[in-house]
Amino acid sequence: MTTDGAVSALAQSVSPGIVVIGRNEGERLRTCLNAVFPSADRIVYVDSGSTDDSVAIATRLGVSVLHLDMAQPFSAARARNEGFAALCRLAPGLTHVQFLDGDCELAVGWLATAVAFLADAPTVALVCGRRRERFPDRSIFNRLCDLEWDSAPGETLECGGDFLVRADAFAGVGGFDGGLIAGEEPELCVRLRARGWTIWRIADEMALHDAAMTRFSQWWRRMMRGGHAFAQVSRFHRRSEYGIWRTAIPRALFWGAGLPMLVLAGTFLHPGAALLALLYPAQICRIALRRGVRRPGSWSYACFTVMGKVPELCGMAMFYGNWLRGRSTGLIEYK
């Protein structure tokens, strides 16, 4: 593997371009951009119709700003694709691109580490690291995000919104699917793996994220968006051996609708049917045990994972309802 000295030298010789996307991030965007300047000088900020001073902040910092055409529907996938195209025009021959959300702060040394990892692993298309929530103690919902992102390192099937990717691999599969309102990163990984690439998560710190999620309604909409992504992406790749999330719909149907209906209907036939409701605490215990009962946050994570099947199911129903009517779903935003 690459030594520490070689990592530094490689980082200087291979300077990744950076695509930052955002809308109304304000000071969070300033923090984001200031964090990337020491390690990259080719940066494109894609603004999705901000009404605050986000564009002014990026402009004053000398970042290339791309305004999305408001005549077309906004999506993170579209913003990243257009940002990538603009970056390629700005820096032809670019070999690596870091995608970053405007509410994230890139960790010191991440780009050098990620570039070195890809240099040592020619079959890996993209690499991501540990994303942490900046303020996990401000709300249970922020804490849940941090727990969700605490995944084991190693080869993986998917990634989130922040990652370093080989520019040729990204362009080779046509970038993100602009028709997706969520789940575009895992869907990209499906197509990359189908081309023979692999996806890796490493243990190194990658970014701090400010979820700013303090209300139950925000958590609900975030879970709905996840359910919509599960349904849309699993349907798109239902015939592919590299498809993902095939069990997400049956799980949401069982825990979010099937079991409650079974308990309610069963109690009319026999009071003992109400005991079926004990499957919920049993499932919570199973999830907590799997994560480690002494691990901080395991029980709250388990409770909200089970409870989240209801909004996930709502998101799935939204996708299929619109799909049957030939309509596209608008953005499901939670902040």
Protein backbone atom coordinates (compact mmCIF):
# COMPACT_ATOMS: atom_id res chain seq x y z
CA MET A 1 0.00 0.00 0.00
CA THR A 2 1.03 3.64 -0.48
CA THR A 3 3.18 5.08 2.34
CA ASP A 4 2.35 8.36 4.11
CA GLY A 5 5.07 10.20 2.19
CA ALA A 6 3.87 8.80 -1.11
CA VAL A 7 0.30 9.79 -0.25
CA SER A 8 1.37 13.41 0.10
CA ALA A 9 3.35 13.33 -3.15
CA LEU A 10 0.49 11.66 -5.01
CA ALA A 11 -1.99 14.23 -3.71
CA GLN A 12 0.17 17.00 -5.14
CA SER A 13 0.50 15.33 -8.55
CA VAL A 14 -3.18 14.31 -8.79
CA SER A 15 -5.41 17.21 -7.79
CA PRO A 16 -9.06 16.15 -7.88
CA GLY A 17 -11.77 18.48 -9.04
CA ILE A 18 -14.65 19.09 -6.66
CA VAL A 19 -18.37 19.45 -7.35
CA VAL A 20 -20.35 20.99 -4.50
CA ILE A 21 -24.13 21.16 -4.71
CA GLY A 22 -26.47 23.11 -2.49
CA ARG A 23 -29.49 25.27 -1.95
CA ASN A 24 -29.81 27.90 0.76
CA GLU A 25 -26.89 26.52 2.75
CA GLY A 26 -25.52 29.95 3.71
CA GLU A 27 -22.77 29.73 6.32
CA ARG A 28 -22.69 25.95 5.99
CA LEU A 29 -21.58 26.47 2.38
CA ARG A 30 -18.85 28.88 3.47
CA THR A 31 -17.54 26.23 5.87
CA CYS A 32 -17.75 23.61 3.12
CA LEU A 33 -15.81 25.66 0.56
CA ASN A 34 -13.16 26.88 2.99
CA ALA A 35 -12.42 23.27 3.90
CA VAL A 36 -11.67 22.19 0.32
CA PHE A 37 -9.43 25.08 -0.76
CA PRO A 38 -6.22 23.76 0.83
CA SER A 39 -6.37 20.54 -1.20
CA ALA A 40 -8.14 21.50 -4.44
CA ASP A 41 -8.26 24.53 -6.70
CA ARG A 42 -10.74 23.33 -9.33
CA ILE A 43 -14.12 23.69 -7.69
CA VAL A 44 -17.60 24.08 -9.15
CA TYR A 45 -20.53 25.05 -6.95
CA VAL A 46 -23.93 24.15 -8.41
CA ASP A 47 -26.74 26.24 -6.97
CA SER A 48 -30.32 24.98 -7.11
CA GLY A 49 -32.23 28.24 -6.84
CA SER A 50 -30.96 29.58 -3.52
CA THR A 51 -32.74 32.63 -2.13
CA ASP A 52 -30.13 33.34 0.55
CA ASP A 53 -26.53 34.54 0.12
CA SER A 54 -25.11 31.15 -0.94
CA VAL A 55 -24.20 32.32 -4.46
CA ALA A 56 -22.58 35.50 -3.12
CA ILE A 57 -20.53 33.47 -0.64
CA ALA A 58 -19.24 31.13 -3.36
CA THR A 59 -18.51 34.02 -5.73
CA ARG A 60 -16.55 35.97 -3.11
CA LEU A 61 -14.46 32.87 -2.43
CA GLY A 62 -13.55 32.67 -6.12
CA VAL A 63 -15.45 29.47 -6.83
CA SER A 64 -16.96 28.82 -10.25
CA VAL A 65 -20.74 29.03 -9.79
CA LEU A 66 -23.24 27.19 -11.97
CA HIS A 67 -26.91 28.16 -11.76
CA LEU A 68 -29.34 25.38 -12.59
CA ASP A 69 -31.98 26.30 -15.14
CA MET A 70 -35.14 26.82 -13.08
CA ALA A 71 -37.30 25.80 -16.05
CA GLN A 72 -36.33 22.18 -15.37
CA PRO A 73 -37.07 20.21 -12.19
CA PHE A 74 -34.32 20.33 -9.59
CA SER A 75 -32.64 17.18 -8.31
CA ALA A 76 -29.30 16.35 -6.72
CA ALA A 77 -28.60 13.97 -9.61
CA ARG A 78 -29.09 16.69 -12.20
CA ALA A 79 -27.04 19.19 -10.17
CA ARG A 80 -24.11 16.79 -9.86
CA ASN A 81 -24.22 15.86 -13.54
CA GLU A 82 -24.17 19.47 -14.65
CA GLY A 83 -21.46 20.25 -12.12
CA PHE A 84 -19.34 17.40 -13.48
CA ALA A 85 -19.79 18.65 -17.05
CA ALA A 86 -18.82 22.18 -16.02
CA LEU A 87 -15.78 20.89 -14.15
CA CYS A 88 -14.63 18.92 -17.21
CA ARG A 89 -14.89 22.09 -19.32
CA LEU A 90 -12.94 23.97 -16.68
CA ALA A 91 -10.25 21.30 -16.35
CA PRO A 92 -10.03 18.98 -19.38
CA GLY A 93 -8.23 15.76 -18.64
CA LEU A 94 -9.40 15.67 -15.04
CA THR A 95 -8.87 12.18 -13.57
CA HIS A 96 -10.68 12.30 -10.21
CA VAL A 97 -13.76 14.12 -8.92
CA GLN A 98 -14.97 14.54 -5.36
CA PHE A 99 -18.72 15.05 -5.02
CA LEU A 100 -19.73 16.93 -1.90
CA ASP A 101 -22.97 18.28 -0.45
CA GLY A 102 -22.93 21.95 0.51
CA ASP A 103 -23.81 21.19 4.13
CA CYS A 104 -20.68 19.04 4.56
CA GLU A 105 -17.13 19.86 5.62
CA LEU A 106 -14.45 17.69 4.03
CA ALA A 107 -12.01 16.14 6.52
CA VAL A 108 -8.39 17.26 6.43
CA GLY A 109 -6.35 14.77 4.44
CA TRP A 110 -9.33 12.95 2.95
CA LEU A 111 -8.59 13.76 -0.70
CA ALA A 112 -4.97 12.63 -0.45
CA THR A 113 -6.00 9.40 1.26
CA ALA A 114 -8.77 8.67 -1.24
CA VAL A 115 -6.60 9.39 -4.28
CA ALA A 116 -3.90 7.10 -2.90
CA PHE A 117 -6.43 4.35 -2.26
CA LEU A 118 -7.65 4.46 -5.86
CA ALA A 119 -4.06 4.45 -7.10
CA ASP A 120 -3.48 1.20 -5.21
CA ALA A 121 -6.78 -0.34 -6.34
CA PRO A 122 -7.22 -0.11 -10.14
CA THR A 123 -10.55 -1.98 -10.11
CA VAL A 124 -12.20 0.42 -7.66
CA ALA A 125 -14.31 3.12 -9.31
CA LEU A 126 -15.14 5.18 -6.26
CA VAL A 127 -14.29 5.36 -2.60
CA CYS A 128 -16.08 6.87 0.35
CA GLY A 129 -15.13 7.20 4.01
CA ARG A 130 -16.71 7.91 7.38
CA ARG A 131 -19.28 10.66 7.24
CA ARG A 132 -20.24 12.00 10.66
CA GLU A 133 -23.03 14.22 11.86
CA ARG A 134 -21.67 17.55 13.10
CA PHE A 135 -24.23 17.97 15.88
CA PRO A 136 -25.42 14.48 16.89
CA ASP A 137 -26.55 15.64 20.33
CA ARG A 138 -28.89 18.37 19.09
CA SER A 139 -31.69 15.90 18.33
CA ILE A 140 -32.42 12.19 18.20
CA PHE A 141 -32.89 12.60 14.46
CA ASN A 142 -29.36 13.98 13.98
CA ARG A 143 -28.08 11.09 16.09
CA LEU A 144 -29.92 8.60 13.88
CA CYS A 145 -28.16 10.01 10.82
CA ASP A 146 -24.79 9.53 12.48
CA LEU A 147 -25.65 5.94 13.41
CA GLU A 148 -26.88 5.24 9.88
CA TRP A 149 -23.57 6.39 8.38
CA ASP A 150 -21.49 4.25 10.75
CA SER A 151 -21.03 1.38 8.29
CA ALA A 152 -18.28 -1.23 8.23
CA PRO A 153 -15.34 -0.51 5.90
CA GLY A 154 -14.62 -2.76 2.96
CA GLU A 155 -16.12 -3.52 -0.43
CA THR A 156 -19.73 -2.37 -0.53
CA LEU A 157 -22.72 -2.26 -2.87
CA GLU A 158 -23.46 1.45 -2.56
CA CYS A 159 -22.37 4.83 -1.25
CA GLY A 160 -23.89 8.12 -0.15
CA GLY A 161 -23.64 11.61 -1.62
CA ASP A 162 -20.00 12.32 -0.73
CA PHE A 163 -17.33 10.27 -2.52
CA LEU A 164 -14.25 10.41 -4.74
CA VAL A 165 -14.70 8.80 -8.17
CA ARG A 166 -12.57 8.19 -11.23
CA ALA A 167 -13.75 10.66 -13.86
CA ASP A 168 -13.53 8.12 -16.68
CA ALA A 169 -15.57 5.54 -14.74
CA PHE A 170 -18.23 8.11 -13.91
CA ALA A 171 -18.45 9.37 -17.50
CA GLY A 172 -18.33 5.81 -18.82
CA VAL A 173 -21.69 4.94 -17.29
CA GLY A 174 -23.29 8.28 -18.16
CA GLY A 175 -23.13 9.81 -14.70
CA PHE A 176 -26.16 9.93 -12.44
CA ASP A 177 -29.67 9.12 -13.61
CA GLY A 178 -31.19 12.59 -13.76
CA GLY A 179 -34.70 11.19 -13.40
CA LEU A 180 -34.14 10.11 -9.80
CA ILE A 181 -35.17 12.38 -6.94
CA ALA A 182 -33.31 10.21 -4.40
CA GLY A 183 -31.08 7.15 -4.34
CA GLU A 184 -29.03 8.33 -7.30
CA GLU A 185 -25.70 7.37 -5.69
CA PRO A 186 -26.58 3.70 -4.99
CA GLU A 187 -28.12 3.49 -8.47
CA LEU A 188 -24.87 4.79 -9.97
CA CYS A 189 -23.03 2.08 -8.04
CA VAL A 190 -25.29 -0.58 -9.59
CA ARG A 191 -24.25 0.48 -13.09
CA LEU A 192 -20.59 0.78 -12.14
CA ARG A 193 -20.56 -2.73 -10.69
CA ALA A 194 -22.29 -4.02 -13.82
CA ARG A 195 -19.30 -2.65 -15.78
CA GLY A 196 -16.86 -4.62 -13.63
CA TRP A 197 -15.91 -1.88 -11.18
CA THR A 198 -16.00 -2.24 -7.40
CA ILE A 199 -17.10 0.22 -4.70
CA TRP A 200 -15.22 0.64 -1.44
CA ARG A 201 -15.76 2.31 1.90
CA ILE A 202 -12.65 2.95 4.00
CA ALA A 203 -12.41 3.74 7.70
CA ASP A 204 -10.79 7.17 7.23
CA GLU A 205 -12.70 10.31 8.20
CA MET A 206 -14.32 11.85 5.12
CA ALA A 207 -16.74 14.61 6.09
CA LEU A 208 -18.82 16.30 8.76
CA HIS A 209 -22.46 16.74 7.82
CA ASP A 210 -24.97 19.19 9.28
CA ALA A 211 -28.32 17.44 8.94
CA ALA A 212 -30.16 20.19 10.86
CA MET A 213 -32.97 17.71 11.50
CA THR A 214 -34.76 18.61 14.72
CA ARG A 215 -38.41 17.75 14.05
CA PHE A 216 -40.26 14.46 13.71
CA SER A 217 -41.81 15.69 10.46
CA GLN A 218 -38.33 16.10 8.95
CA TRP A 219 -37.40 12.54 9.91
CA TRP A 220 -40.70 11.29 8.45
CA ARG A 221 -40.10 13.00 5.10
CA ARG A 222 -36.51 11.74 4.97
CA MET A 223 -37.76 8.19 5.48
CA MET A 224 -40.44 8.74 2.83
CA ARG A 225 -37.76 9.85 0.40
CA GLY A 226 -35.80 6.71 1.22
CA GLY A 227 -38.84 4.54 0.54
CA HIS A 228 -39.37 6.26 -2.81
CA ALA A 229 -35.73 5.57 -3.70
CA PHE A 230 -36.02 1.91 -2.66
CA ALA A 231 -39.03 1.44 -4.93
CA GLN A 232 -37.73 3.37 -7.93
CA VAL A 233 -34.18 2.01 -8.00
CA SER A 234 -35.17 -1.60 -7.29
CA ARG A 235 -37.71 -1.43 -10.11
CA PHE A 236 -35.23 0.05 -12.58
CA HIS A 237 -32.77 -2.80 -11.94
CA ARG A 238 -35.21 -5.60 -11.16
CA ARG A 239 -33.72 -7.81 -13.90
CA SER A 240 -30.08 -7.02 -13.19
CA GLU A 241 -27.92 -9.37 -11.16
CA TYR A 242 -26.38 -6.23 -9.65
CA GLY A 243 -29.72 -4.80 -8.50
CA ILE A 244 -30.21 -3.65 -4.92
CA TRP A 245 -32.98 -3.13 -2.37
CA ARG A 246 -35.14 -6.01 -3.62
CA THR A 247 -36.17 -6.94 -0.07
CA ALA A 248 -36.94 -3.37 0.98
CA ILE A 249 -40.51 -3.41 -0.36
CA PRO A 250 -41.54 -6.75 1.23
CA ARG A 251 -40.08 -5.61 4.57
CA ALA A 252 -41.91 -2.29 4.48
CA LEU A 253 -45.15 -4.00 3.44
CA PHE A 254 -44.93 -6.49 6.30
CA TRP A 255 -43.90 -4.16 9.13
CA GLY A 256 -45.65 -1.03 7.87
CA ALA A 257 -49.01 -2.46 6.80
CA GLY A 258 -49.29 -6.26 6.77
CA LEU A 259 -48.64 -6.94 10.45
CA PRO A 260 -50.83 -4.08 11.76
CA MET A 261 -53.71 -5.24 9.55
CA LEU A 262 -53.19 -8.83 10.64
CA VAL A 263 -53.29 -7.85 14.32
CA LEU A 264 -56.43 -5.74 13.90
CA ALA A 265 -58.27 -8.28 11.78
CA GLY A 266 -57.15 -11.18 13.93
CA THR A 267 -58.46 -9.71 17.17
CA PHE A 268 -61.99 -9.85 15.76
CA LEU A 269 -61.60 -13.62 15.42
CA HIS A 270 -59.63 -14.29 18.60
CA PRO A 271 -58.20 -11.95 21.28
CA GLY A 272 -54.97 -13.95 21.24
CA ALA A 273 -54.17 -12.55 17.81
CA ALA A 274 -53.14 -9.34 19.56
CA LEU A 275 -50.03 -11.21 20.70
CA LEU A 276 -48.76 -10.90 17.12
CA ALA A 277 -47.96 -7.29 18.00
CA LEU A 278 -45.11 -8.66 20.13
CA LEU A 279 -43.25 -9.18 16.86
CA TYR A 280 -42.47 -5.45 16.94
CA PRO A 281 -40.47 -5.46 20.20
CA ALA A 282 -38.92 -8.75 19.09
CA GLN A 283 -37.71 -7.11 15.87
CA ILE A 284 -36.40 -4.12 17.80
CA CYS A 285 -34.43 -6.46 20.06
CA ARG A 286 -33.06 -8.33 17.05
CA ILE A 287 -31.79 -5.14 15.40
CA ALA A 288 -30.27 -3.84 18.65
CA LEU A 289 -28.56 -7.17 19.29
CA ARG A 290 -27.16 -7.18 15.77
CA ARG A 291 -25.63 -3.72 16.29
CA GLY A 292 -24.51 -4.53 19.84
CA VAL A 293 -26.74 -3.84 22.85
CA ARG A 294 -23.96 -1.97 24.67
CA ARG A 295 -23.19 0.18 21.67
CA PRO A 296 -24.47 3.75 22.21
CA GLY A 297 -27.65 4.46 20.28
CA SER A 298 -28.40 0.85 19.35
CA TRP A 299 -31.85 0.78 20.95
CA SER A 300 -33.01 4.13 19.58
CA TYR A 301 -31.69 3.15 16.15
CA ALA A 302 -33.58 -0.14 16.34
CA CYS A 303 -36.84 1.53 17.42
CA PHE A 304 -36.77 4.12 14.65
CA THR A 305 -35.72 1.54 12.05
CA VAL A 306 -38.87 -0.46 12.77
CA MET A 307 -41.07 2.63 13.03
CA GLY A 308 -39.56 3.97 9.80
CA LYS A 309 -41.17 1.21 7.76
CA VAL A 310 -44.41 3.20 7.78
CA PRO A 311 -43.05 6.37 6.08
CA GLU A 312 -40.90 4.18 3.83
CA LEU A 313 -44.06 2.43 2.69
CA CYS A 314 -45.69 5.81 2.08
CA GLY A 315 -42.78 6.78 -0.16
CA MET A 316 -43.03 3.50 -2.06
CA ALA A 317 -46.77 4.00 -2.54
CA MET A 318 -46.07 7.52 -3.82
CA PHE A 319 -43.64 6.20 -6.43
CA TYR A 320 -45.91 3.42 -7.68
CA GLY A 321 -48.97 5.67 -7.64
CA ASN A 322 -47.23 8.23 -9.83
CA TRP A 323 -45.63 5.53 -12.00
CA LEU A 324 -49.00 3.97 -12.76
CA ARG A 325 -50.35 7.38 -13.77
CA GLY A 326 -47.29 8.21 -15.86
CA ARG A 327 -46.22 11.05 -13.59
CA SER A 328 -42.92 12.02 -12.01
CA THR A 329 -42.61 12.66 -8.30
CA GLY A 330 -41.39 16.08 -7.23
CA LEU A 331 -38.58 16.55 -4.73
CA ILE A 332 -39.22 15.22 -1.23
CA GLU A 333 -37.28 17.69 0.91
CA TYR A 334 -36.86 17.54 4.66
CA LYS A 335 -35.06 20.81 5.34
